[in-house]
N, C-alpha and C. Protein backbone atom coordinates (compact mmCIF):
# COMPACT_ATOMS: atom_id res chain seq x y z
N MET A 1 10.43 -11.63 1.29
CA MET A 1 11.27 -11.20 0.21
C MET A 1 12.21 -10.10 0.47
N ASP A 2 13.33 -10.04 0.02
CA ASP A 2 14.25 -9.07 0.42
C ASP A 2 14.12 -7.82 -0.60
N ILE A 3 14.62 -6.66 -0.21
CA ILE A 3 14.48 -5.25 -1.04
C ILE A 3 15.05 -5.63 -2.32
N ALA A 4 16.17 -6.30 -2.54
CA ALA A 4 16.79 -6.40 -3.83
C ALA A 4 15.84 -7.14 -4.81
N ARG A 5 15.08 -8.17 -4.29
CA ARG A 5 14.42 -8.94 -5.04
C ARG A 5 12.87 -8.26 -5.49
N MET A 6 12.58 -7.47 -4.50
CA MET A 6 11.34 -6.66 -4.65
C MET A 6 11.59 -5.78 -5.87
N ALA A 7 12.86 -4.92 -5.74
CA ALA A 7 13.12 -3.94 -6.85
C ALA A 7 13.14 -4.55 -8.13
N GLN A 8 13.80 -5.75 -8.23
CA GLN A 8 14.11 -6.57 -9.40
C GLN A 8 12.82 -6.86 -10.01
N THR A 9 11.78 -7.44 -9.17
CA THR A 9 10.42 -7.72 -9.72
C THR A 9 9.74 -6.53 -10.09
N LEU A 10 9.74 -5.33 -9.29
CA LEU A 10 8.88 -4.28 -9.67
C LEU A 10 9.36 -3.45 -10.97
N ALA A 11 10.72 -3.31 -11.09
CA ALA A 11 11.34 -2.41 -11.97
C ALA A 11 10.76 -2.58 -13.43
N PRO A 12 10.59 -3.80 -13.97
CA PRO A 12 10.15 -3.82 -15.29
C PRO A 12 8.71 -3.63 -15.54
N LEU A 13 7.87 -3.45 -14.25
CA LEU A 13 6.57 -3.34 -14.42
C LEU A 13 5.94 -2.01 -14.17
N VAL A 14 6.68 -1.20 -13.38
CA VAL A 14 6.32 0.24 -13.10
C VAL A 14 6.18 1.00 -14.26
N PRO A 15 7.20 1.05 -15.16
CA PRO A 15 7.12 1.97 -16.41
C PRO A 15 5.92 1.62 -17.19
N TYR A 16 5.71 0.20 -17.46
CA TYR A 16 4.34 -0.15 -18.10
C TYR A 16 3.16 0.18 -17.47
N LEU A 17 3.04 0.09 -16.05
CA LEU A 17 1.91 0.50 -15.38
C LEU A 17 1.60 1.90 -15.55
N LEU A 18 2.61 2.83 -15.43
CA LEU A 18 2.42 4.11 -15.64
C LEU A 18 2.35 4.62 -17.10
N LYS A 19 2.79 3.90 -18.11
CA LYS A 19 2.66 4.34 -19.41
C LYS A 19 1.51 3.75 -20.13
N GLY A 20 1.02 2.54 -19.71
CA GLY A 20 -0.10 1.96 -20.54
C GLY A 20 -1.14 1.12 -19.76
N GLY A 21 -0.81 1.12 -18.31
CA GLY A 21 -2.09 0.57 -17.52
C GLY A 21 -1.67 -0.85 -17.19
N VAL A 22 -2.68 -1.60 -16.54
CA VAL A 22 -2.39 -2.99 -16.12
C VAL A 22 -2.20 -3.84 -17.12
N GLU A 23 -3.01 -3.81 -18.24
CA GLU A 23 -3.21 -4.68 -19.36
C GLU A 23 -1.58 -4.76 -20.10
N LEU A 24 -1.18 -3.68 -20.31
CA LEU A 24 0.22 -3.63 -20.80
C LEU A 24 1.18 -4.28 -19.82
N ALA A 25 1.12 -3.97 -18.70
CA ALA A 25 2.06 -4.58 -17.75
C ALA A 25 1.93 -5.96 -17.66
N LYS A 26 0.70 -6.49 -17.77
CA LYS A 26 0.45 -7.95 -17.57
C LYS A 26 1.09 -8.62 -18.88
N SER A 27 1.08 -8.03 -19.92
CA SER A 27 1.71 -8.71 -21.18
C SER A 27 3.35 -8.81 -20.92
N ALA A 28 3.80 -7.75 -20.31
CA ALA A 28 5.22 -7.70 -19.98
C ALA A 28 5.71 -8.45 -18.91
N ALA A 29 4.78 -9.01 -18.08
CA ALA A 29 5.20 -9.55 -16.76
C ALA A 29 5.42 -11.05 -16.88
N GLY A 30 5.08 -11.67 -18.12
CA GLY A 30 5.30 -13.03 -18.17
C GLY A 30 4.58 -13.91 -17.29
N GLU A 31 5.34 -14.85 -16.48
CA GLU A 31 4.76 -15.68 -15.80
C GLU A 31 4.17 -15.19 -14.38
N LEU A 32 4.73 -14.03 -14.04
CA LEU A 32 4.30 -13.36 -12.87
C LEU A 32 2.92 -12.87 -13.10
N GLY A 33 2.63 -12.23 -14.35
CA GLY A 33 1.30 -11.73 -14.55
C GLY A 33 0.43 -12.89 -14.62
N LYS A 34 0.69 -14.00 -14.85
CA LYS A 34 -0.30 -15.18 -14.60
C LYS A 34 -0.70 -15.46 -13.23
N ASN A 35 0.22 -15.30 -12.23
CA ASN A 35 0.02 -15.51 -10.78
C ASN A 35 -0.55 -14.51 -10.09
N LEU A 36 -0.45 -13.31 -10.56
CA LEU A 36 -1.22 -12.18 -9.85
C LEU A 36 -2.55 -11.94 -9.94
N GLY A 37 -3.44 -11.91 -8.83
CA GLY A 37 -4.94 -11.58 -9.06
C GLY A 37 -5.15 -10.19 -9.47
N THR A 38 -6.57 -9.98 -9.66
CA THR A 38 -7.12 -8.62 -10.10
C THR A 38 -6.74 -7.64 -8.93
N ASP A 39 -6.97 -7.96 -7.83
CA ASP A 39 -6.82 -7.01 -6.72
C ASP A 39 -5.34 -6.63 -6.60
N ALA A 40 -4.39 -7.58 -6.95
CA ALA A 40 -2.91 -7.41 -6.83
C ALA A 40 -2.39 -6.44 -7.77
N TRP A 41 -2.99 -6.53 -9.00
CA TRP A 41 -2.71 -5.55 -10.14
C TRP A 41 -3.15 -4.39 -9.75
N ASP A 42 -4.34 -4.11 -9.32
CA ASP A 42 -4.95 -2.76 -8.83
C ASP A 42 -4.01 -2.32 -7.83
N GLY A 43 -3.58 -3.07 -7.07
CA GLY A 43 -2.52 -2.53 -5.94
C GLY A 43 -1.28 -2.02 -6.48
N LEU A 44 -0.74 -2.91 -7.55
CA LEU A 44 0.42 -2.53 -8.21
C LEU A 44 0.36 -1.28 -8.91
N LYS A 45 -0.83 -0.96 -9.37
CA LYS A 45 -0.93 0.33 -10.24
C LYS A 45 -0.94 1.54 -9.29
N ALA A 46 -1.76 1.25 -8.11
CA ALA A 46 -1.69 2.29 -7.29
C ALA A 46 -0.15 2.64 -6.71
N LEU A 47 0.34 1.34 -6.61
CA LEU A 47 1.75 1.52 -6.00
C LEU A 47 2.72 2.26 -7.07
N ALA A 48 2.49 2.14 -8.31
CA ALA A 48 3.36 2.76 -9.23
C ALA A 48 3.12 4.17 -9.37
N ASP A 49 1.95 4.51 -9.10
CA ASP A 49 1.45 5.97 -8.89
C ASP A 49 2.19 6.49 -7.70
N LYS A 50 2.17 5.80 -6.62
CA LYS A 50 2.85 6.31 -5.41
C LYS A 50 4.28 6.49 -5.63
N ILE A 51 4.96 5.60 -6.41
CA ILE A 51 6.45 5.72 -6.56
C ILE A 51 6.87 6.93 -7.42
N ARG A 52 5.78 7.12 -8.43
CA ARG A 52 5.98 8.48 -9.26
C ARG A 52 5.79 9.64 -8.27
N GLN A 53 4.92 9.80 -7.41
CA GLN A 53 4.81 10.74 -6.53
C GLN A 53 5.97 10.87 -5.59
N LYS A 54 6.63 9.90 -5.13
CA LYS A 54 7.67 10.03 -4.29
C LYS A 54 8.99 10.39 -5.13
N ALA A 55 9.12 10.10 -6.31
CA ALA A 55 10.10 10.34 -7.25
C ALA A 55 10.28 11.99 -7.29
N GLU A 56 9.25 12.81 -7.23
CA GLU A 56 9.23 14.07 -7.18
C GLU A 56 10.30 14.74 -6.20
N ASP A 57 10.32 13.98 -5.23
CA ASP A 57 11.39 14.55 -3.95
C ASP A 57 12.78 13.80 -4.20
N ARG A 58 12.93 12.95 -5.22
CA ARG A 58 14.17 12.36 -5.50
C ARG A 58 14.54 12.40 -6.92
N PRO A 59 15.31 13.46 -7.21
CA PRO A 59 15.59 13.66 -8.55
C PRO A 59 16.39 12.47 -9.34
N ALA A 60 17.22 11.73 -8.61
CA ALA A 60 17.79 10.59 -9.34
C ALA A 60 16.74 9.52 -9.72
N LEU A 61 15.88 9.47 -8.76
CA LEU A 61 14.67 8.39 -8.99
C LEU A 61 13.98 8.79 -10.10
N LYS A 62 13.64 10.32 -10.15
CA LYS A 62 12.64 10.85 -11.18
C LYS A 62 13.16 10.62 -12.59
N GLU A 63 14.59 10.85 -12.69
CA GLU A 63 15.31 10.81 -13.86
C GLU A 63 15.30 9.39 -14.47
N ALA A 64 15.50 8.48 -13.54
CA ALA A 64 15.64 7.16 -13.79
C ALA A 64 14.32 6.57 -14.24
N LEU A 65 13.19 6.91 -13.73
CA LEU A 65 11.84 6.50 -13.80
C LEU A 65 11.56 7.10 -15.25
N ALA A 66 11.73 8.37 -15.57
CA ALA A 66 11.22 8.96 -16.92
C ALA A 66 12.06 8.15 -17.83
N ASP A 67 13.35 7.88 -17.80
CA ASP A 67 14.09 7.02 -18.75
C ASP A 67 13.39 5.68 -19.01
N ALA A 68 13.08 5.08 -17.89
CA ALA A 68 12.51 3.80 -17.98
C ALA A 68 11.00 3.76 -18.73
N GLN A 69 10.35 4.81 -18.49
CA GLN A 69 8.94 4.95 -19.16
C GLN A 69 9.33 5.23 -20.76
N ALA A 70 10.40 5.90 -21.01
CA ALA A 70 10.64 6.07 -22.39
C ALA A 70 11.16 5.04 -23.16
N THR A 71 11.97 4.01 -22.44
CA THR A 71 12.49 2.99 -23.03
C THR A 71 12.60 1.90 -22.13
N PRO A 72 11.43 1.23 -21.80
CA PRO A 72 11.23 0.19 -20.93
C PRO A 72 12.00 -1.14 -21.20
N GLN A 73 12.40 -1.21 -22.41
CA GLN A 73 13.21 -2.60 -22.91
C GLN A 73 14.57 -2.52 -22.72
N ASP A 74 15.01 -1.34 -22.42
CA ASP A 74 16.46 -1.04 -22.44
C ASP A 74 17.09 -1.58 -21.20
N GLU A 75 17.82 -2.52 -21.12
CA GLU A 75 18.31 -3.18 -20.17
C GLU A 75 19.05 -2.29 -19.13
N GLU A 76 20.00 -1.53 -19.75
CA GLU A 76 20.80 -0.47 -18.86
C GLU A 76 20.02 0.60 -18.33
N VAL A 77 18.80 1.00 -18.89
CA VAL A 77 17.95 2.09 -18.42
C VAL A 77 17.26 1.44 -17.19
N LEU A 78 16.86 0.19 -17.41
CA LEU A 78 16.13 -0.62 -16.49
C LEU A 78 16.98 -0.85 -15.19
N ALA A 79 18.23 -1.33 -15.34
CA ALA A 79 19.31 -1.34 -14.34
C ALA A 79 19.39 -0.19 -13.46
N ALA A 80 19.36 1.14 -14.06
CA ALA A 80 19.51 2.31 -13.36
C ALA A 80 18.33 2.67 -12.69
N PHE A 81 17.08 2.27 -13.15
CA PHE A 81 15.82 2.59 -12.36
C PHE A 81 15.80 1.54 -11.25
N ARG A 82 16.07 0.35 -11.41
CA ARG A 82 16.16 -0.89 -10.33
C ARG A 82 16.87 -0.20 -9.14
N TRP A 83 18.10 0.25 -9.51
CA TRP A 83 18.96 0.63 -8.27
C TRP A 83 18.22 1.93 -7.55
N GLN A 84 17.75 2.78 -8.24
CA GLN A 84 17.22 3.85 -7.56
C GLN A 84 15.86 3.37 -6.74
N LEU A 85 15.18 2.33 -7.47
CA LEU A 85 13.90 1.89 -6.64
C LEU A 85 14.39 0.97 -5.43
N LYS A 86 15.54 0.36 -5.54
CA LYS A 86 16.01 -0.25 -4.29
C LYS A 86 16.40 0.57 -3.17
N LYS A 87 16.88 1.78 -3.48
CA LYS A 87 17.27 2.83 -2.52
C LYS A 87 16.06 3.28 -1.92
N LEU A 88 15.05 3.47 -2.70
CA LEU A 88 13.69 4.02 -2.24
C LEU A 88 13.03 3.22 -1.22
N LEU A 89 13.07 1.82 -1.52
CA LEU A 89 12.40 0.81 -0.66
C LEU A 89 13.30 0.69 0.52
N ALA A 90 14.63 0.79 0.58
CA ALA A 90 15.45 0.84 1.71
C ALA A 90 15.24 2.00 2.69
N ASP A 91 14.82 3.12 1.96
CA ASP A 91 14.50 4.37 2.98
C ASP A 91 13.19 4.41 3.39
N ASP A 92 12.21 3.59 2.86
CA ASP A 92 10.91 3.56 3.22
C ASP A 92 10.30 2.18 3.55
N PRO A 93 10.54 1.84 4.90
CA PRO A 93 9.92 0.54 5.35
C PRO A 93 8.49 0.26 5.02
N GLU A 94 7.74 1.32 5.11
CA GLU A 94 6.29 1.18 5.14
C GLU A 94 5.86 0.75 3.56
N LEU A 95 6.62 1.45 2.64
CA LEU A 95 6.45 1.18 1.16
C LEU A 95 6.92 -0.20 0.92
N ALA A 96 8.09 -0.64 1.46
CA ALA A 96 8.67 -1.97 1.27
C ALA A 96 7.50 -3.02 1.71
N ALA A 97 7.03 -2.62 2.84
CA ALA A 97 6.00 -3.73 3.38
C ALA A 97 4.76 -3.64 2.54
N GLU A 98 4.51 -2.60 1.86
CA GLU A 98 3.22 -2.70 0.94
C GLU A 98 3.49 -3.46 -0.29
N VAL A 99 4.70 -3.40 -0.78
CA VAL A 99 5.18 -4.11 -2.13
C VAL A 99 5.40 -5.68 -1.64
N ALA A 100 5.88 -6.05 -0.43
CA ALA A 100 5.93 -7.36 -0.13
C ALA A 100 4.46 -7.93 0.07
N CYS A 101 3.46 -7.15 0.43
CA CYS A 101 2.23 -7.67 0.55
C CYS A 101 1.63 -8.10 -0.81
N LEU A 102 1.80 -7.10 -1.74
CA LEU A 102 1.39 -7.38 -3.19
C LEU A 102 1.78 -8.39 -3.79
N LEU A 103 3.23 -8.64 -3.62
CA LEU A 103 4.11 -9.66 -4.52
C LEU A 103 3.86 -11.03 -3.77
N ALA A 104 3.59 -11.11 -2.50
CA ALA A 104 3.73 -12.35 -1.84
C ALA A 104 2.74 -13.35 -2.36
N GLY A 105 1.57 -13.05 -2.69
CA GLY A 105 0.74 -14.21 -3.43
C GLY A 105 1.17 -14.52 -4.80
N ALA A 106 2.21 -13.90 -5.45
CA ALA A 106 2.63 -14.30 -6.81
C ALA A 106 3.82 -15.10 -6.81
N MET A 107 4.46 -15.36 -5.69
CA MET A 107 5.58 -16.16 -5.66
C MET A 107 5.42 -17.57 -5.31
N PRO A 108 5.70 -18.63 -6.32
CA PRO A 108 5.27 -19.86 -5.99
C PRO A 108 6.29 -20.45 -5.08
N GLY A 109 5.76 -21.61 -4.36
CA GLY A 109 6.53 -22.38 -3.54
C GLY A 109 6.38 -21.87 -2.06
N ARG A 110 7.29 -22.22 -1.21
CA ARG A 110 7.16 -22.02 0.17
C ARG A 110 7.67 -20.62 0.71
N ARG A 111 6.94 -20.10 1.63
CA ARG A 111 7.28 -18.68 2.06
C ARG A 111 7.58 -18.79 3.48
N THR A 112 8.57 -18.06 4.06
CA THR A 112 8.89 -17.90 5.49
C THR A 112 8.63 -16.57 5.90
N VAL A 113 7.81 -16.45 6.89
CA VAL A 113 7.48 -15.08 7.48
C VAL A 113 7.84 -15.15 8.98
N ILE A 114 8.24 -14.07 9.40
CA ILE A 114 8.72 -13.86 10.87
C ILE A 114 7.75 -12.93 11.45
N ALA A 115 7.31 -13.28 12.60
CA ALA A 115 6.35 -12.21 13.35
C ALA A 115 7.35 -11.71 14.81
N SER A 116 7.26 -10.48 14.97
CA SER A 116 7.85 -9.84 16.06
C SER A 116 7.11 -9.11 16.81
N GLY A 117 7.27 -9.02 17.97
CA GLY A 117 6.46 -8.24 18.90
C GLY A 117 5.40 -9.03 19.70
N GLU A 118 4.90 -8.51 20.78
CA GLU A 118 3.91 -9.31 21.69
C GLU A 118 2.62 -9.63 20.89
N ARG A 119 2.33 -10.92 21.06
CA ARG A 119 1.17 -11.45 20.41
C ARG A 119 1.01 -11.15 18.88
N SER A 120 2.12 -11.27 18.14
CA SER A 120 2.23 -11.07 16.72
C SER A 120 1.84 -12.58 16.21
N VAL A 121 1.48 -12.55 14.87
CA VAL A 121 1.16 -13.79 14.23
C VAL A 121 1.90 -13.86 13.15
N ALA A 122 2.48 -14.90 12.62
CA ALA A 122 3.18 -15.19 11.27
C ALA A 122 2.52 -16.26 10.60
N VAL A 123 2.20 -16.04 9.37
CA VAL A 123 1.40 -17.04 8.62
C VAL A 123 2.20 -17.44 7.39
N GLY A 124 2.47 -18.52 7.25
CA GLY A 124 3.34 -19.04 6.02
C GLY A 124 2.54 -20.33 5.31
N GLY A 125 2.48 -20.32 3.94
CA GLY A 125 1.88 -21.45 3.20
C GLY A 125 0.40 -21.34 3.45
N ASP A 126 -0.21 -22.50 3.15
CA ASP A 126 -1.73 -22.69 2.95
C ASP A 126 -2.31 -22.68 4.43
N VAL A 127 -3.23 -21.96 4.74
CA VAL A 127 -3.99 -21.83 5.95
C VAL A 127 -5.48 -22.10 5.78
N SER A 128 -5.91 -22.62 4.57
CA SER A 128 -7.27 -22.86 4.31
C SER A 128 -7.84 -23.78 5.27
N GLY A 129 -8.98 -23.40 5.77
CA GLY A 129 -9.66 -24.36 6.80
C GLY A 129 -9.03 -24.34 8.11
N SER A 130 -8.16 -23.31 8.42
CA SER A 130 -7.53 -23.21 9.75
C SER A 130 -8.16 -21.94 10.44
N THR A 131 -8.04 -22.09 11.77
CA THR A 131 -8.54 -20.77 12.58
C THR A 131 -7.40 -20.27 13.33
N ILE A 132 -6.86 -19.07 13.16
CA ILE A 132 -5.70 -18.47 13.83
C ILE A 132 -6.22 -17.64 15.12
N ILE A 133 -5.81 -17.84 16.14
CA ILE A 133 -6.21 -17.11 17.46
C ILE A 133 -4.99 -16.27 17.97
N THR A 134 -5.10 -15.07 18.20
CA THR A 134 -4.04 -14.30 18.77
C THR A 134 -4.31 -14.45 20.34
N GLY A 135 -3.09 -14.41 21.06
CA GLY A 135 -3.08 -14.39 22.56
C GLY A 135 -1.79 -14.30 23.25
N ASP A 136 -1.72 -14.04 24.51
CA ASP A 136 -0.34 -14.11 25.05
C ASP A 136 0.30 -15.46 25.25
N GLN A 137 -0.66 -16.46 25.60
CA GLN A 137 -0.21 -17.84 25.98
C GLN A 137 -0.78 -18.74 24.97
N PRO A 138 -0.16 -19.89 24.87
CA PRO A 138 -0.85 -20.98 23.98
C PRO A 138 -1.84 -21.54 24.93
N ARG A 139 -2.96 -22.36 24.29
CA ARG A 139 -4.13 -22.63 24.99
C ARG A 139 -4.84 -23.64 24.39
N THR A 140 -5.62 -24.43 25.01
CA THR A 140 -6.36 -25.44 24.31
C THR A 140 -7.84 -24.78 24.08
N LYS A 141 -8.61 -25.74 23.30
CA LYS A 141 -9.93 -25.30 23.10
C LYS A 141 -10.75 -24.98 24.24
N ALA A 142 -10.53 -25.64 25.36
CA ALA A 142 -11.23 -25.44 26.58
C ALA A 142 -11.00 -24.14 27.32
N ASP A 143 -9.85 -23.45 27.00
CA ASP A 143 -9.50 -22.24 27.62
C ASP A 143 -10.34 -21.07 26.99
N LYS A 144 -10.45 -20.09 27.92
CA LYS A 144 -11.27 -18.76 27.54
C LYS A 144 -10.56 -18.18 26.52
N PRO A 145 -10.96 -17.75 25.43
CA PRO A 145 -10.22 -16.85 24.44
C PRO A 145 -9.75 -15.56 24.96
N ARG A 146 -8.53 -15.24 24.48
CA ARG A 146 -8.07 -14.05 24.95
C ARG A 146 -7.80 -13.17 23.83
N GLY A 147 -8.05 -13.54 22.61
CA GLY A 147 -7.83 -12.54 21.59
C GLY A 147 -8.96 -12.76 20.49
N ILE A 148 -8.65 -12.18 19.40
CA ILE A 148 -9.76 -12.03 18.31
C ILE A 148 -9.39 -13.35 17.38
N VAL A 149 -10.60 -13.93 17.15
CA VAL A 149 -10.33 -15.25 16.37
C VAL A 149 -10.21 -14.70 14.94
N LEU A 150 -9.28 -15.17 14.05
CA LEU A 150 -9.10 -14.73 12.74
C LEU A 150 -9.48 -15.98 11.69
N GLN A 151 -10.24 -15.30 10.60
CA GLN A 151 -10.59 -16.16 9.68
C GLN A 151 -9.76 -16.11 8.40
N PRO A 152 -9.33 -17.38 7.95
CA PRO A 152 -8.46 -17.21 6.60
C PRO A 152 -9.44 -16.85 5.47
N VAL A 153 -9.03 -15.84 4.57
CA VAL A 153 -9.70 -15.40 3.45
C VAL A 153 -9.04 -15.65 2.00
N GLU A 154 -9.76 -15.53 1.03
CA GLU A 154 -9.30 -15.72 -0.26
C GLU A 154 -8.72 -14.31 -0.72
N SER A 155 -7.47 -14.02 -0.80
CA SER A 155 -7.06 -12.59 -1.23
C SER A 155 -5.42 -12.79 -1.47
N SER A 156 -5.13 -12.07 -2.27
CA SER A 156 -3.62 -12.12 -2.83
C SER A 156 -2.88 -11.08 -1.87
N MET A 157 -3.75 -10.30 -1.22
CA MET A 157 -3.06 -9.22 -0.28
C MET A 157 -3.26 -9.58 1.19
N ILE A 158 -4.30 -10.34 1.62
CA ILE A 158 -4.79 -10.59 3.06
C ILE A 158 -4.69 -12.17 3.26
N HIS A 159 -4.13 -12.55 4.36
CA HIS A 159 -4.23 -14.00 4.88
C HIS A 159 -5.44 -14.13 5.76
N ALA A 160 -5.58 -13.39 6.55
CA ALA A 160 -6.77 -13.59 7.51
C ALA A 160 -7.13 -12.36 8.22
N VAL A 161 -8.61 -12.35 8.71
CA VAL A 161 -9.23 -11.16 9.33
C VAL A 161 -9.97 -11.61 10.45
N GLY A 162 -10.11 -10.84 11.49
CA GLY A 162 -10.89 -10.96 12.59
C GLY A 162 -11.48 -9.71 13.12
N TYR A 163 -12.58 -9.74 13.77
CA TYR A 163 -13.30 -8.67 14.21
C TYR A 163 -14.09 -9.02 15.65
N ASP A 164 -13.88 -7.82 16.40
CA ASP A 164 -14.39 -7.85 17.78
C ASP A 164 -15.57 -6.65 17.92
N PRO A 165 -16.79 -7.10 17.77
CA PRO A 165 -17.97 -6.27 17.60
C PRO A 165 -18.09 -5.34 18.87
N GLU A 166 -17.70 -5.82 19.99
CA GLU A 166 -17.89 -5.11 21.20
C GLU A 166 -16.97 -3.94 21.27
N ARG A 167 -15.64 -4.16 20.97
CA ARG A 167 -14.64 -3.17 20.97
C ARG A 167 -14.50 -2.49 19.58
N ARG A 168 -15.22 -2.97 18.58
CA ARG A 168 -15.14 -2.43 17.16
C ARG A 168 -13.74 -2.34 16.55
N LEU A 169 -13.18 -3.61 16.85
CA LEU A 169 -11.71 -3.60 16.49
C LEU A 169 -11.53 -4.60 15.39
N LEU A 170 -10.96 -4.15 14.09
CA LEU A 170 -10.68 -5.17 12.96
C LEU A 170 -9.11 -5.44 12.95
N GLU A 171 -9.00 -6.75 13.14
CA GLU A 171 -7.51 -7.32 12.96
C GLU A 171 -7.28 -7.89 11.61
N VAL A 172 -6.19 -7.54 11.03
CA VAL A 172 -5.83 -7.87 9.67
C VAL A 172 -4.62 -8.45 9.56
N VAL A 173 -4.22 -9.88 9.06
CA VAL A 173 -2.94 -10.40 9.00
C VAL A 173 -2.82 -10.21 7.33
N PHE A 174 -1.74 -9.50 7.02
CA PHE A 174 -1.41 -9.44 5.54
C PHE A 174 -0.53 -10.56 5.06
N ASN A 175 -0.54 -10.72 3.79
CA ASN A 175 0.59 -11.91 3.37
C ASN A 175 1.83 -11.66 3.76
N SER A 176 2.29 -10.57 3.92
CA SER A 176 3.60 -10.22 4.33
C SER A 176 4.08 -10.87 5.71
N GLY A 177 2.88 -11.08 6.40
CA GLY A 177 3.01 -11.48 7.82
C GLY A 177 2.76 -10.48 8.90
N ARG A 178 2.69 -9.06 8.39
CA ARG A 178 2.50 -8.09 9.26
C ARG A 178 1.01 -8.03 9.72
N VAL A 179 0.82 -7.63 10.99
CA VAL A 179 -0.63 -7.56 11.64
C VAL A 179 -0.99 -6.25 11.80
N TYR A 180 -2.18 -5.72 11.56
CA TYR A 180 -2.65 -4.23 11.78
C TYR A 180 -3.88 -4.49 12.56
N CYS A 181 -4.15 -3.49 13.53
CA CYS A 181 -5.34 -3.42 14.29
C CYS A 181 -6.14 -2.15 13.89
N TYR A 182 -7.18 -2.13 13.29
CA TYR A 182 -7.91 -0.91 12.87
C TYR A 182 -9.03 -0.53 13.87
N GLU A 183 -9.24 0.65 14.35
CA GLU A 183 -9.95 0.95 15.50
C GLU A 183 -11.34 1.66 15.25
N ASP A 184 -12.47 1.38 15.94
CA ASP A 184 -13.65 2.06 15.54
C ASP A 184 -14.34 1.70 14.21
N VAL A 185 -14.23 0.52 13.96
CA VAL A 185 -14.77 0.02 12.57
C VAL A 185 -16.13 -0.43 12.99
N PRO A 186 -17.09 0.01 12.25
CA PRO A 186 -18.52 -0.50 12.31
C PRO A 186 -18.67 -1.90 11.86
N PRO A 187 -19.60 -2.64 12.63
CA PRO A 187 -19.84 -4.00 12.17
C PRO A 187 -20.26 -4.11 10.69
N GLU A 188 -20.88 -3.08 10.10
CA GLU A 188 -21.22 -3.20 8.71
C GLU A 188 -20.12 -3.22 7.79
N VAL A 189 -19.17 -2.41 8.20
CA VAL A 189 -17.74 -2.38 7.26
C VAL A 189 -17.08 -3.73 7.31
N TYR A 190 -17.09 -4.25 8.53
CA TYR A 190 -16.35 -5.70 8.56
C TYR A 190 -17.08 -6.70 7.72
N GLU A 191 -18.49 -6.54 7.73
CA GLU A 191 -19.31 -7.53 6.88
C GLU A 191 -19.15 -7.19 5.50
N ALA A 192 -19.01 -6.04 5.11
CA ALA A 192 -18.77 -5.57 3.76
C ALA A 192 -17.48 -6.13 3.29
N LEU A 193 -16.58 -6.05 4.16
CA LEU A 193 -15.19 -6.67 3.78
C LEU A 193 -15.34 -8.05 3.54
N MET A 194 -15.81 -8.76 4.31
CA MET A 194 -15.86 -10.11 4.28
C MET A 194 -16.69 -10.67 2.99
N ALA A 195 -17.66 -9.78 2.57
CA ALA A 195 -18.57 -10.08 1.36
C ALA A 195 -17.78 -9.70 0.05
N ALA A 196 -16.74 -8.90 0.32
CA ALA A 196 -16.24 -8.11 -0.91
C ALA A 196 -15.41 -9.19 -1.92
N GLU A 197 -15.70 -9.11 -3.22
CA GLU A 197 -14.99 -9.93 -4.22
C GLU A 197 -13.58 -9.70 -4.10
N SER A 198 -13.20 -8.43 -4.07
CA SER A 198 -11.77 -8.25 -4.07
C SER A 198 -11.53 -7.60 -2.52
N LYS A 199 -11.15 -8.23 -1.60
CA LYS A 199 -10.78 -7.83 -0.31
C LYS A 199 -9.63 -6.81 -0.28
N GLY A 200 -8.63 -7.07 -0.95
CA GLY A 200 -7.49 -5.97 -1.04
C GLY A 200 -8.07 -4.61 -1.45
N ARG A 201 -8.99 -4.60 -2.56
CA ARG A 201 -9.41 -3.44 -3.17
C ARG A 201 -10.33 -2.70 -2.12
N PHE A 202 -11.00 -3.43 -1.45
CA PHE A 202 -11.95 -2.90 -0.33
C PHE A 202 -11.09 -2.29 0.74
N MET A 203 -10.00 -3.08 1.26
CA MET A 203 -9.28 -2.58 2.23
C MET A 203 -8.69 -1.10 1.83
N ARG A 204 -8.06 -0.92 0.55
CA ARG A 204 -7.52 0.31 0.19
C ARG A 204 -8.60 1.25 0.09
N ALA A 205 -9.72 0.90 -0.38
CA ALA A 205 -10.75 2.12 -0.51
C ALA A 205 -11.40 2.47 0.63
N ASP A 206 -11.66 1.43 1.63
CA ASP A 206 -12.75 1.75 2.70
C ASP A 206 -12.08 1.57 4.08
N ILE A 207 -10.86 1.22 4.27
CA ILE A 207 -10.36 0.88 5.65
C ILE A 207 -8.99 1.51 5.89
N ILE A 208 -8.12 1.26 4.93
CA ILE A 208 -6.79 1.89 5.13
C ILE A 208 -6.95 3.46 4.94
N ASP A 209 -6.39 4.16 5.64
CA ASP A 209 -6.34 5.58 5.71
C ASP A 209 -7.59 6.12 5.87
N VAL A 210 -8.58 5.23 6.45
CA VAL A 210 -10.04 5.75 6.87
C VAL A 210 -10.22 5.72 8.32
N TYR A 211 -9.65 4.54 8.89
CA TYR A 211 -9.82 4.24 10.44
C TYR A 211 -8.54 4.17 10.88
N PRO A 212 -8.45 4.90 12.21
CA PRO A 212 -7.17 4.81 13.09
C PRO A 212 -6.63 3.39 13.08
N TYR A 213 -5.28 3.26 13.18
CA TYR A 213 -4.79 1.70 13.25
C TYR A 213 -3.52 1.87 14.04
N ARG A 214 -3.16 0.57 14.43
CA ARG A 214 -1.85 0.52 15.20
C ARG A 214 -1.21 -0.72 14.58
N ARG A 215 0.17 -0.89 14.52
CA ARG A 215 0.71 -2.15 14.15
C ARG A 215 0.72 -3.15 15.18
N GLY A 216 0.37 -4.34 14.92
CA GLY A 216 0.38 -5.58 15.74
C GLY A 216 -1.03 -5.95 16.09
N PRO A 217 -1.27 -6.99 16.67
CA PRO A 217 -2.66 -7.57 17.07
C PRO A 217 -3.56 -6.65 17.95
N CYS A 218 -4.82 -6.70 17.88
CA CYS A 218 -5.67 -5.90 18.67
C CYS A 218 -5.58 -6.33 20.11
């Protein structure tokens, strides 16, 4: 999803998320609200708060956001906020990636994702019942595994998860196609993640910003 489309999708939701919370935003989201799961809405609420914090250092965005909160149904006001939001996402690739992760599960139809970098994994469409294995070279089942075996999971934020108990490495493939390797993760944390009803919520609360990580596969 490109930045312009992300800004267009987010702009009508953020004022309601900040003003009245998730339930008000759901009613304003229309068809999108039906497609997003609970963990995605929790993530969008946290994302709206993050945008508000970032607006403190961007006067034009701060003013546009305040106007949008005051009159969220005004198309001209919303267009101004959308423009400032687009500029923010263009300047902040990490934030843009987070937005893409949250919105990916809500977009119907086929998605195309691109993997870059050594041993990266790209996931598009339905991977239910599949096994994804990272490695430097293609191999058959008879070959010795060279990477972490990833298991597809039910989540609007995450496509697949894998764990290496010997190295205590947790590999996560997000819906955006990005892959992250979290280090020194205890086995019980991995087990709790896999058992969590909302894996996106568990990731944000107990793994992201808790354990050191690097971008790319483990």
